[in-house]
Amino acid sequence: MQAATAALVRAAREAFAQHGVRRTTMADVARAAGVVRQTVYNTVSSRDQLIELAIIQCCEELKESLTAAGRDDPEDIDEALLAFLVRAVATASTHTELNELNAALTPEQVEKLFGHSHPIEELIRETARPVLERALAAGRLRPGTTVEEAGRWIQGILTFALLHDAGEVGPGELERVLRTFALPSVLTER
């Protein structure tokens, strides 16, 4: 993203936070950015594109945050994968801005804008990659499974956890469920 576009998207995110994603107008974005409305339209083609860029920017920030947090994960592969899963569920379930941005688009708009590779999916795959690569190198991924396939499976696990209100379950219970069901679905026994 070019610097001018990134600055406009940051201003849009501020406007979205102030007025709500669905109620924010391009004039609100222009005011927040300190530019005229035509400048907004010269930079992005639509409000939906602005939301898309806000989602991408938000995911990039989350990716940096989750990647940095993963540097402190335990050496043990099981514990590192568990720490990643718990962190990802906690982040996704409590990140109000990302949830509101996603909710502002219909499934059809998401499909049109992102195709089959939504930035959140990329975020999950990329932040899970280091621990999955360690598991592969240690011979701990399920036989015949690639890092990419395991990343997609992790995506499914996280989606399932989030759809079943895992964010509202106590941390101990979430860890128990993930340890019991998620880890064995990706990793072989030690």
N, C-alpha and C. Protein backbone atom coordinates (compact mmCIF):
# COMPACT_ATOMS: atom_id res chain seq x y z
N MET A 1 0.85 -1.17 0.00
CA MET A 1 0.00 0.00 0.00
C MET A 1 0.90 1.24 0.00
N GLN A 2 0.62 2.16 -0.89
CA GLN A 2 1.39 3.41 -0.95
C GLN A 2 1.13 4.23 0.31
N ALA A 3 2.08 5.09 0.65
CA ALA A 3 1.98 5.88 1.88
C ALA A 3 0.72 6.74 1.93
N ALA A 4 0.38 7.39 0.83
CA ALA A 4 -0.81 8.25 0.81
C ALA A 4 -2.08 7.42 1.01
N THR A 5 -2.12 6.27 0.36
CA THR A 5 -3.29 5.38 0.51
C THR A 5 -3.36 4.85 1.93
N ALA A 6 -2.22 4.45 2.49
CA ALA A 6 -2.18 3.93 3.86
C ALA A 6 -2.66 4.99 4.85
N ALA A 7 -2.26 6.24 4.64
CA ALA A 7 -2.70 7.32 5.53
C ALA A 7 -4.21 7.54 5.41
N LEU A 8 -4.74 7.47 4.20
CA LEU A 8 -6.18 7.61 4.00
C LEU A 8 -6.93 6.46 4.68
N VAL A 9 -6.40 5.26 4.58
CA VAL A 9 -7.04 4.10 5.21
C VAL A 9 -7.01 4.24 6.74
N ARG A 10 -5.90 4.72 7.29
CA ARG A 10 -5.86 4.96 8.74
C ARG A 10 -6.92 5.99 9.15
N ALA A 11 -7.08 7.04 8.35
CA ALA A 11 -8.11 8.04 8.63
C ALA A 11 -9.50 7.41 8.52
N ALA A 12 -9.70 6.56 7.54
CA ALA A 12 -10.99 5.88 7.39
C ALA A 12 -11.28 5.02 8.61
N ARG A 13 -10.26 4.34 9.10
CA ARG A 13 -10.44 3.50 10.29
C ARG A 13 -10.84 4.35 11.50
N GLU A 14 -10.26 5.55 11.60
CA GLU A 14 -10.66 6.46 12.68
C GLU A 14 -12.12 6.88 12.51
N ALA A 15 -12.51 7.20 11.28
CA ALA A 15 -13.90 7.58 11.01
C ALA A 15 -14.84 6.42 11.29
N PHE A 16 -14.44 5.21 10.89
CA PHE A 16 -15.26 4.03 11.16
C PHE A 16 -15.45 3.85 12.66
N ALA A 17 -14.39 4.05 13.43
CA ALA A 17 -14.47 3.89 14.88
C ALA A 17 -15.38 4.97 15.50
N GLN A 18 -15.33 6.16 14.94
CA GLN A 18 -16.13 7.26 15.48
C GLN A 18 -17.60 7.15 15.11
N HIS A 19 -17.90 6.83 13.84
CA HIS A 19 -19.28 6.85 13.36
C HIS A 19 -19.90 5.47 13.19
N GLY A 20 -19.10 4.44 13.22
CA GLY A 20 -19.57 3.09 12.90
C GLY A 20 -19.31 2.82 11.42
N VAL A 21 -18.92 1.61 11.10
CA VAL A 21 -18.52 1.29 9.73
C VAL A 21 -19.67 1.53 8.76
N ARG A 22 -20.85 1.09 9.11
CA ARG A 22 -22.00 1.19 8.19
C ARG A 22 -22.48 2.64 8.00
N ARG A 23 -22.26 3.48 9.00
CA ARG A 23 -22.76 4.86 8.91
C ARG A 23 -21.73 5.87 8.40
N THR A 24 -20.49 5.46 8.28
CA THR A 24 -19.44 6.39 7.83
C THR A 24 -19.59 6.68 6.34
N THR A 25 -19.54 7.96 6.02
CA THR A 25 -19.62 8.37 4.62
C THR A 25 -18.22 8.71 4.11
N MET A 26 -18.11 8.85 2.79
CA MET A 26 -16.83 9.26 2.21
C MET A 26 -16.47 10.68 2.68
N ALA A 27 -17.47 11.52 2.94
CA ALA A 27 -17.22 12.86 3.47
C ALA A 27 -16.61 12.77 4.87
N ASP A 28 -17.09 11.81 5.68
CA ASP A 28 -16.51 11.60 7.01
C ASP A 28 -15.04 11.20 6.90
N VAL A 29 -14.76 10.33 5.95
CA VAL A 29 -13.38 9.88 5.73
C VAL A 29 -12.51 11.06 5.29
N ALA A 30 -13.03 11.86 4.37
CA ALA A 30 -12.27 13.03 3.90
C ALA A 30 -11.96 13.97 5.05
N ARG A 31 -12.95 14.25 5.91
CA ARG A 31 -12.73 15.11 7.07
C ARG A 31 -11.66 14.53 7.99
N ALA A 32 -11.76 13.23 8.26
CA ALA A 32 -10.78 12.58 9.14
C ALA A 32 -9.37 12.64 8.55
N ALA A 33 -9.28 12.56 7.23
CA ALA A 33 -7.98 12.59 6.56
C ALA A 33 -7.48 14.01 6.31
N GLY A 34 -8.36 14.99 6.47
CA GLY A 34 -7.97 16.38 6.22
C GLY A 34 -7.81 16.68 4.74
N VAL A 35 -8.64 16.01 3.92
CA VAL A 35 -8.60 16.23 2.47
C VAL A 35 -10.02 16.48 1.97
N VAL A 36 -10.13 16.89 0.71
CA VAL A 36 -11.46 17.04 0.13
C VAL A 36 -11.96 15.67 -0.31
N ARG A 37 -13.27 15.56 -0.42
CA ARG A 37 -13.88 14.28 -0.76
C ARG A 37 -13.38 13.73 -2.10
N GLN A 38 -13.12 14.61 -3.06
CA GLN A 38 -12.63 14.16 -4.36
C GLN A 38 -11.29 13.42 -4.23
N THR A 39 -10.47 13.82 -3.28
CA THR A 39 -9.20 13.14 -3.05
C THR A 39 -9.43 11.69 -2.62
N VAL A 40 -10.45 11.49 -1.81
CA VAL A 40 -10.79 10.12 -1.39
C VAL A 40 -11.16 9.30 -2.62
N TYR A 41 -12.02 9.87 -3.48
CA TYR A 41 -12.45 9.14 -4.68
C TYR A 41 -11.31 8.97 -5.70
N ASN A 42 -10.32 9.86 -5.67
CA ASN A 42 -9.16 9.69 -6.54
C ASN A 42 -8.25 8.57 -6.04
N THR A 43 -8.38 8.23 -4.77
CA THR A 43 -7.52 7.20 -4.16
C THR A 43 -8.19 5.83 -4.16
N VAL A 44 -9.47 5.79 -3.85
CA VAL A 44 -10.21 4.52 -3.83
C VAL A 44 -11.47 4.67 -4.68
N SER A 45 -11.93 3.56 -5.20
CA SER A 45 -13.08 3.63 -6.11
C SER A 45 -14.43 3.55 -5.40
N SER A 46 -14.42 3.03 -4.16
CA SER A 46 -15.71 2.86 -3.49
C SER A 46 -15.50 2.72 -1.98
N ARG A 47 -16.57 2.81 -1.28
CA ARG A 47 -16.57 2.60 0.17
C ARG A 47 -16.16 1.16 0.47
N ASP A 48 -16.64 0.22 -0.33
CA ASP A 48 -16.28 -1.18 -0.14
C ASP A 48 -14.78 -1.40 -0.29
N GLN A 49 -14.17 -0.70 -1.25
CA GLN A 49 -12.73 -0.83 -1.42
C GLN A 49 -12.02 -0.26 -0.19
N LEU A 50 -12.55 0.80 0.36
CA LEU A 50 -11.97 1.39 1.57
C LEU A 50 -12.07 0.42 2.74
N ILE A 51 -13.19 -0.27 2.85
CA ILE A 51 -13.34 -1.28 3.90
C ILE A 51 -12.37 -2.42 3.66
N GLU A 52 -12.24 -2.86 2.41
CA GLU A 52 -11.29 -3.92 2.07
C GLU A 52 -9.88 -3.52 2.49
N LEU A 53 -9.47 -2.31 2.13
CA LEU A 53 -8.13 -1.85 2.49
C LEU A 53 -7.95 -1.72 4.00
N ALA A 54 -9.02 -1.35 4.69
CA ALA A 54 -8.96 -1.27 6.16
C ALA A 54 -8.79 -2.67 6.75
N ILE A 55 -9.48 -3.66 6.19
CA ILE A 55 -9.32 -5.04 6.65
C ILE A 55 -7.89 -5.51 6.42
N ILE A 56 -7.36 -5.23 5.24
CA ILE A 56 -5.99 -5.64 4.92
C ILE A 56 -5.00 -4.97 5.86
N GLN A 57 -5.16 -3.67 6.08
CA GLN A 57 -4.26 -2.95 6.98
C GLN A 57 -4.35 -3.49 8.40
N CYS A 58 -5.56 -3.75 8.84
CA CYS A 58 -5.79 -4.29 10.17
C CYS A 58 -5.13 -5.68 10.30
N CYS A 59 -5.29 -6.51 9.28
CA CYS A 59 -4.69 -7.85 9.30
C CYS A 59 -3.17 -7.78 9.30
N GLU A 60 -2.61 -6.84 8.58
CA GLU A 60 -1.15 -6.68 8.58
C GLU A 60 -0.65 -6.31 9.97
N GLU A 61 -1.37 -5.42 10.65
CA GLU A 61 -0.98 -5.06 12.02
C GLU A 61 -1.10 -6.26 12.95
N LEU A 62 -2.19 -7.01 12.81
CA LEU A 62 -2.37 -8.21 13.64
C LEU A 62 -1.28 -9.24 13.35
N LYS A 63 -0.93 -9.39 12.09
CA LYS A 63 0.12 -10.34 11.71
C LYS A 63 1.42 -9.99 12.41
N GLU A 64 1.78 -8.72 12.38
CA GLU A 64 3.00 -8.28 13.07
C GLU A 64 2.92 -8.57 14.56
N SER A 65 1.76 -8.29 15.15
CA SER A 65 1.58 -8.51 16.58
C SER A 65 1.65 -9.99 16.94
N LEU A 66 0.93 -10.83 16.19
CA LEU A 66 0.93 -12.26 16.46
C LEU A 66 2.30 -12.89 16.20
N THR A 67 2.98 -12.42 15.17
CA THR A 67 4.32 -12.94 14.87
C THR A 67 5.28 -12.58 16.00
N ALA A 68 5.22 -11.35 16.46
CA ALA A 68 6.09 -10.92 17.57
C ALA A 68 5.79 -11.73 18.83
N ALA A 69 4.53 -11.96 19.13
CA ALA A 69 4.15 -12.74 20.31
C ALA A 69 4.63 -14.18 20.20
N GLY A 70 4.65 -14.71 18.98
CA GLY A 70 5.08 -16.09 18.76
C GLY A 70 6.55 -16.31 19.03
N ARG A 71 7.33 -15.26 19.02
CA ARG A 71 8.77 -15.39 19.29
C ARG A 71 9.03 -15.85 20.73
N ASP A 72 8.06 -15.63 21.60
CA ASP A 72 8.21 -16.02 23.00
C ASP A 72 7.56 -17.36 23.31
N ASP A 73 7.08 -18.07 22.28
CA ASP A 73 6.43 -19.35 22.50
C ASP A 73 7.43 -20.39 23.01
N PRO A 74 6.92 -21.39 23.71
CA PRO A 74 7.80 -22.45 24.22
C PRO A 74 8.49 -23.21 23.09
N GLU A 75 9.60 -23.85 23.39
CA GLU A 75 10.31 -24.67 22.41
C GLU A 75 9.51 -25.92 22.05
N ASP A 76 8.80 -26.47 23.02
CA ASP A 76 7.99 -27.67 22.79
C ASP A 76 6.94 -27.38 21.72
N ILE A 77 6.91 -28.20 20.68
CA ILE A 77 6.02 -27.95 19.54
C ILE A 77 4.55 -27.98 19.94
N ASP A 78 4.16 -28.95 20.77
CA ASP A 78 2.77 -29.01 21.23
C ASP A 78 2.38 -27.74 21.96
N GLU A 79 3.24 -27.31 22.88
CA GLU A 79 2.95 -26.12 23.67
C GLU A 79 2.98 -24.86 22.80
N ALA A 80 3.88 -24.82 21.83
CA ALA A 80 3.95 -23.66 20.94
C ALA A 80 2.70 -23.56 20.07
N LEU A 81 2.24 -24.70 19.53
CA LEU A 81 1.02 -24.69 18.71
C LEU A 81 -0.19 -24.34 19.57
N LEU A 82 -0.25 -24.88 20.77
CA LEU A 82 -1.35 -24.55 21.68
C LEU A 82 -1.34 -23.05 22.00
N ALA A 83 -0.17 -22.50 22.29
CA ALA A 83 -0.07 -21.06 22.59
C ALA A 83 -0.54 -20.25 21.39
N PHE A 84 -0.15 -20.66 20.17
CA PHE A 84 -0.61 -19.95 18.98
C PHE A 84 -2.13 -20.00 18.86
N LEU A 85 -2.71 -21.18 19.03
CA LEU A 85 -4.17 -21.33 18.87
C LEU A 85 -4.92 -20.48 19.89
N VAL A 86 -4.49 -20.52 21.13
CA VAL A 86 -5.16 -19.73 22.18
C VAL A 86 -5.04 -18.25 21.88
N ARG A 87 -3.84 -17.82 21.47
CA ARG A 87 -3.61 -16.41 21.14
C ARG A 87 -4.47 -15.98 19.94
N ALA A 88 -4.55 -16.83 18.92
CA ALA A 88 -5.34 -16.50 17.73
C ALA A 88 -6.83 -16.39 18.06
N VAL A 89 -7.34 -17.32 18.87
CA VAL A 89 -8.76 -17.26 19.26
C VAL A 89 -9.02 -16.01 20.08
N ALA A 90 -8.14 -15.72 21.04
CA ALA A 90 -8.33 -14.54 21.88
C ALA A 90 -8.29 -13.27 21.04
N THR A 91 -7.35 -13.19 20.12
CA THR A 91 -7.22 -12.01 19.27
C THR A 91 -8.43 -11.84 18.38
N ALA A 92 -8.81 -12.90 17.69
CA ALA A 92 -9.92 -12.82 16.74
C ALA A 92 -11.25 -12.55 17.43
N SER A 93 -11.45 -13.11 18.60
CA SER A 93 -12.75 -12.94 19.26
C SER A 93 -12.89 -11.60 19.95
N THR A 94 -11.78 -10.93 20.21
CA THR A 94 -11.86 -9.66 20.93
C THR A 94 -11.47 -8.45 20.08
N HIS A 95 -11.11 -8.66 18.84
CA HIS A 95 -10.68 -7.54 18.00
C HIS A 95 -11.92 -6.90 17.37
N THR A 96 -12.49 -5.95 18.07
CA THR A 96 -13.74 -5.31 17.68
C THR A 96 -13.66 -4.69 16.29
N GLU A 97 -12.58 -3.98 16.01
CA GLU A 97 -12.47 -3.29 14.73
C GLU A 97 -12.54 -4.27 13.56
N LEU A 98 -11.77 -5.34 13.62
CA LEU A 98 -11.76 -6.31 12.53
C LEU A 98 -13.13 -6.98 12.38
N ASN A 99 -13.75 -7.30 13.50
CA ASN A 99 -15.08 -7.92 13.45
C ASN A 99 -16.11 -6.98 12.82
N GLU A 100 -16.05 -5.70 13.16
CA GLU A 100 -17.00 -4.74 12.60
C GLU A 100 -16.74 -4.50 11.11
N LEU A 101 -15.48 -4.45 10.72
CA LEU A 101 -15.16 -4.28 9.29
C LEU A 101 -15.69 -5.47 8.49
N ASN A 102 -15.46 -6.68 8.99
CA ASN A 102 -15.94 -7.87 8.29
C ASN A 102 -17.46 -7.91 8.21
N ALA A 103 -18.11 -7.50 9.28
CA ALA A 103 -19.58 -7.53 9.32
C ALA A 103 -20.20 -6.50 8.38
N ALA A 104 -19.43 -5.49 7.98
CA ALA A 104 -19.96 -4.43 7.11
C ALA A 104 -20.11 -4.89 5.67
N LEU A 105 -19.52 -6.02 5.34
CA LEU A 105 -19.61 -6.54 3.97
C LEU A 105 -20.48 -7.79 3.93
N THR A 106 -21.27 -7.92 2.89
CA THR A 106 -22.06 -9.14 2.72
C THR A 106 -21.13 -10.26 2.27
N PRO A 107 -21.52 -11.51 2.43
CA PRO A 107 -20.68 -12.62 1.93
C PRO A 107 -20.38 -12.48 0.43
N GLU A 108 -21.33 -11.95 -0.32
CA GLU A 108 -21.12 -11.77 -1.75
C GLU A 108 -20.04 -10.71 -2.01
N GLN A 109 -20.06 -9.64 -1.22
CA GLN A 109 -19.04 -8.60 -1.37
C GLN A 109 -17.66 -9.14 -0.99
N VAL A 110 -17.61 -9.92 0.08
CA VAL A 110 -16.33 -10.52 0.50
C VAL A 110 -15.79 -11.39 -0.62
N GLU A 111 -16.66 -12.23 -1.20
CA GLU A 111 -16.25 -13.10 -2.31
C GLU A 111 -15.76 -12.28 -3.49
N LYS A 112 -16.47 -11.21 -3.82
CA LYS A 112 -16.09 -10.37 -4.96
C LYS A 112 -14.77 -9.66 -4.69
N LEU A 113 -14.60 -9.13 -3.47
CA LEU A 113 -13.40 -8.38 -3.14
C LEU A 113 -12.17 -9.26 -2.95
N PHE A 114 -12.35 -10.38 -2.26
CA PHE A 114 -11.19 -11.17 -1.87
C PHE A 114 -11.07 -12.50 -2.59
N GLY A 115 -12.11 -12.91 -3.30
CA GLY A 115 -12.06 -14.23 -3.91
C GLY A 115 -12.04 -15.29 -2.82
N HIS A 116 -11.19 -16.29 -2.99
CA HIS A 116 -11.15 -17.37 -2.02
C HIS A 116 -10.03 -17.22 -1.00
N SER A 117 -9.32 -16.11 -1.02
CA SER A 117 -8.21 -15.92 -0.10
C SER A 117 -8.40 -14.62 0.67
N HIS A 118 -9.19 -14.65 1.70
CA HIS A 118 -9.47 -13.50 2.55
C HIS A 118 -8.21 -13.16 3.36
N PRO A 119 -7.94 -11.88 3.61
CA PRO A 119 -6.75 -11.51 4.38
C PRO A 119 -6.67 -12.18 5.75
N ILE A 120 -7.81 -12.47 6.38
CA ILE A 120 -7.78 -13.14 7.68
C ILE A 120 -7.25 -14.56 7.51
N GLU A 121 -7.62 -15.23 6.43
CA GLU A 121 -7.09 -16.57 6.17
C GLU A 121 -5.58 -16.52 5.98
N GLU A 122 -5.12 -15.53 5.24
CA GLU A 122 -3.68 -15.36 5.03
C GLU A 122 -2.99 -15.06 6.36
N LEU A 123 -3.61 -14.24 7.19
CA LEU A 123 -3.08 -13.92 8.51
C LEU A 123 -2.87 -15.20 9.32
N ILE A 124 -3.86 -16.06 9.35
CA ILE A 124 -3.77 -17.31 10.12
C ILE A 124 -2.66 -18.20 9.56
N ARG A 125 -2.67 -18.39 8.24
CA ARG A 125 -1.66 -19.27 7.63
C ARG A 125 -0.25 -18.77 7.89
N GLU A 126 -0.04 -17.48 7.72
CA GLU A 126 1.31 -16.94 7.87
C GLU A 126 1.79 -16.94 9.31
N THR A 127 0.91 -16.66 10.26
CA THR A 127 1.34 -16.64 11.65
C THR A 127 1.48 -18.04 12.23
N ALA A 128 0.78 -19.02 11.66
CA ALA A 128 0.93 -20.41 12.10
C ALA A 128 2.14 -21.09 11.45
N ARG A 129 2.59 -20.56 10.32
CA ARG A 129 3.66 -21.18 9.54
C ARG A 129 4.91 -21.53 10.36
N PRO A 130 5.46 -20.62 11.19
CA PRO A 130 6.70 -20.97 11.90
C PRO A 130 6.59 -22.23 12.76
N VAL A 131 5.53 -22.34 13.54
CA VAL A 131 5.40 -23.52 14.40
C VAL A 131 5.10 -24.77 13.56
N LEU A 132 4.36 -24.62 12.47
CA LEU A 132 4.08 -25.77 11.61
C LEU A 132 5.34 -26.22 10.88
N GLU A 133 6.19 -25.29 10.49
CA GLU A 133 7.47 -25.67 9.87
C GLU A 133 8.37 -26.39 10.86
N ARG A 134 8.35 -25.93 12.11
CA ARG A 134 9.11 -26.65 13.15
C ARG A 134 8.58 -28.06 13.33
N ALA A 135 7.25 -28.19 13.32
CA ALA A 135 6.63 -29.52 13.46
C ALA A 135 7.01 -30.42 12.29
N LEU A 136 7.01 -29.87 11.09
CA LEU A 136 7.40 -30.66 9.91
C LEU A 136 8.85 -31.11 10.02
N ALA A 137 9.73 -30.20 10.39
CA ALA A 137 11.16 -30.52 10.52
C ALA A 137 11.41 -31.58 11.59
N ALA A 138 10.58 -31.58 12.61
CA ALA A 138 10.73 -32.55 13.70
C ALA A 138 9.97 -33.85 13.41
N GLY A 139 9.33 -33.93 12.23
CA GLY A 139 8.56 -35.13 11.90
C GLY A 139 7.27 -35.27 12.69
N ARG A 140 6.73 -34.16 13.16
CA ARG A 140 5.53 -34.20 14.01
C ARG A 140 4.23 -33.90 13.28
N LEU A 141 4.29 -33.37 12.03
CA LEU A 141 3.03 -33.18 11.29
C LEU A 141 2.51 -34.54 10.88
N ARG A 142 1.21 -34.66 10.78
CA ARG A 142 0.59 -35.91 10.34
C ARG A 142 1.26 -36.35 9.03
N PRO A 143 1.49 -37.64 8.85
CA PRO A 143 2.16 -38.14 7.64
C PRO A 143 1.45 -37.68 6.36
N GLY A 144 2.25 -37.22 5.41
CA GLY A 144 1.72 -36.79 4.12
C GLY A 144 1.11 -35.40 4.13
N THR A 145 1.18 -34.71 5.26
CA THR A 145 0.59 -33.38 5.38
C THR A 145 1.65 -32.32 5.13
N THR A 146 1.32 -31.33 4.32
CA THR A 146 2.23 -30.21 4.09
C THR A 146 1.93 -29.10 5.10
N VAL A 147 2.84 -28.17 5.21
CA VAL A 147 2.64 -27.01 6.09
C VAL A 147 1.41 -26.23 5.63
N GLU A 148 1.26 -26.10 4.30
CA GLU A 148 0.10 -25.37 3.76
C GLU A 148 -1.22 -26.06 4.14
N GLU A 149 -1.26 -27.38 4.00
CA GLU A 149 -2.48 -28.13 4.37
C GLU A 149 -2.76 -28.01 5.87
N ALA A 150 -1.72 -28.12 6.67
CA ALA A 150 -1.89 -27.99 8.12
C ALA A 150 -2.37 -26.58 8.47
N GLY A 151 -1.87 -25.57 7.75
CA GLY A 151 -2.31 -24.19 7.97
C GLY A 151 -3.79 -24.02 7.66
N ARG A 152 -4.24 -24.65 6.56
CA ARG A 152 -5.68 -24.58 6.23
C ARG A 152 -6.51 -25.31 7.29
N TRP A 153 -5.99 -26.41 7.80
CA TRP A 153 -6.70 -27.16 8.84
C TRP A 153 -6.80 -26.31 10.11
N ILE A 154 -5.70 -25.64 10.47
CA ILE A 154 -5.68 -24.75 11.63
C ILE A 154 -6.73 -23.65 11.46
N GLN A 155 -6.82 -23.13 10.24
CA GLN A 155 -7.84 -22.13 9.92
C GLN A 155 -9.23 -22.66 10.27
N GLY A 156 -9.51 -23.88 9.85
CA GLY A 156 -10.80 -24.50 10.14
C GLY A 156 -11.04 -24.67 11.63
N ILE A 157 -10.00 -25.08 12.35
CA ILE A 157 -10.11 -25.24 13.80
C ILE A 157 -10.45 -23.90 14.45
N LEU A 158 -9.75 -22.86 14.03
CA LEU A 158 -9.99 -21.54 14.61
C LEU A 158 -11.38 -21.02 14.26
N THR A 159 -11.80 -21.25 13.03
CA THR A 159 -13.15 -20.84 12.63
C THR A 159 -14.19 -21.56 13.47
N PHE A 160 -14.01 -22.86 13.65
CA PHE A 160 -14.93 -23.65 14.48
C PHE A 160 -14.95 -23.11 15.91
N ALA A 161 -13.76 -22.85 16.46
CA ALA A 161 -13.68 -22.35 17.84
C ALA A 161 -14.38 -21.01 17.97
N LEU A 162 -14.18 -20.14 16.99
CA LEU A 162 -14.80 -18.82 17.06
C LEU A 162 -16.30 -18.87 16.87
N LEU A 163 -16.77 -19.75 16.00
CA LEU A 163 -18.21 -19.88 15.78
C LEU A 163 -18.92 -20.47 16.99
N HIS A 164 -18.19 -21.18 17.81
CA HIS A 164 -18.78 -21.79 19.00
C HIS A 164 -18.44 -21.00 20.26
N ASP A 165 -18.27 -19.69 20.09
CA ASP A 165 -18.06 -18.78 21.21
C ASP A 165 -16.91 -19.18 22.11
N ALA A 166 -15.82 -19.67 21.52
CA ALA A 166 -14.65 -20.06 22.30
C ALA A 166 -14.07 -18.89 23.06
N GLY A 167 -14.27 -17.69 22.55
CA GLY A 167 -13.77 -16.51 23.23
C GLY A 167 -14.44 -16.29 24.57
N GLU A 168 -15.63 -16.85 24.77
CA GLU A 168 -16.35 -16.69 26.02
C GLU A 168 -16.05 -17.82 27.01
N VAL A 169 -15.36 -18.85 26.56
CA VAL A 169 -14.99 -19.97 27.42
C VAL A 169 -13.75 -19.57 28.20
N GLY A 170 -13.64 -20.03 29.42
CA GLY A 170 -12.46 -19.71 30.21
C GLY A 170 -11.20 -20.23 29.54
N PRO A 171 -10.05 -19.57 29.78
CA PRO A 171 -8.80 -19.96 29.13
C PRO A 171 -8.43 -21.42 29.41
N GLY A 172 -8.63 -21.89 30.60
CA GLY A 172 -8.32 -23.28 30.93
C GLY A 172 -9.15 -24.26 30.12
N GLU A 173 -10.43 -23.96 29.96
CA GLU A 173 -11.31 -24.84 29.19
C GLU A 173 -10.95 -24.80 27.71
N LEU A 174 -10.66 -23.63 27.18
CA LEU A 174 -10.26 -23.50 25.78
C LEU A 174 -8.98 -24.30 25.54
N GLU A 175 -8.00 -24.15 26.42
CA GLU A 175 -6.75 -24.91 26.27
C GLU A 175 -7.01 -26.41 26.32
N ARG A 176 -7.89 -26.85 27.22
CA ARG A 176 -8.19 -28.28 27.33
C ARG A 176 -8.80 -28.80 26.04
N VAL A 177 -9.78 -28.07 25.49
CA VAL A 177 -10.44 -28.49 24.25
C VAL A 177 -9.44 -28.50 23.09
N LEU A 178 -8.64 -27.46 22.98
CA LEU A 178 -7.65 -27.41 21.89
C LEU A 178 -6.61 -28.52 22.04
N ARG A 179 -6.17 -28.77 23.26
CA ARG A 179 -5.18 -29.83 23.50
C ARG A 179 -5.76 -31.21 23.17
N THR A 180 -7.03 -31.39 23.51
CA THR A 180 -7.68 -32.68 23.31
C THR A 180 -8.02 -32.94 21.85
N PHE A 181 -8.51 -31.93 21.16
CA PHE A 181 -9.01 -32.16 19.81
C PHE A 181 -8.16 -31.56 18.69
N ALA A 182 -7.66 -30.34 18.89
CA ALA A 182 -6.93 -29.67 17.80
C ALA A 182 -5.52 -30.21 17.62
N LEU A 183 -4.76 -30.30 18.69
CA LEU A 183 -3.37 -30.74 18.56
C LEU A 183 -3.26 -32.12 17.91
N PRO A 184 -4.04 -33.12 18.37
CA PRO A 184 -3.91 -34.44 17.74
C PRO A 184 -4.36 -34.48 16.28
N SER A 185 -5.16 -33.50 15.86
CA SER A 185 -5.60 -33.49 14.46
C SER A 185 -4.51 -32.97 13.54
N VAL A 186 -3.48 -32.32 14.08
CA VAL A 186 -2.41 -31.75 13.27
C VAL A 186 -1.08 -32.46 13.53
N LEU A 187 -0.82 -32.80 14.79
CA LEU A 187 0.47 -33.35 15.18
C LEU A 187 0.37 -34.84 15.49
N THR A 188 1.47 -35.53 15.24
CA THR A 188 1.57 -36.94 15.63
C THR A 188 2.02 -37.00 17.09
N GLU A 189 1.90 -38.17 17.70
CA GLU A 189 2.37 -38.35 19.07
C GLU A 189 3.87 -38.12 19.12
N ARG A 190 4.33 -37.72 20.28
CA ARG A 190 5.78 -37.50 20.46
C ARG A 190 6.52 -38.80 20.45
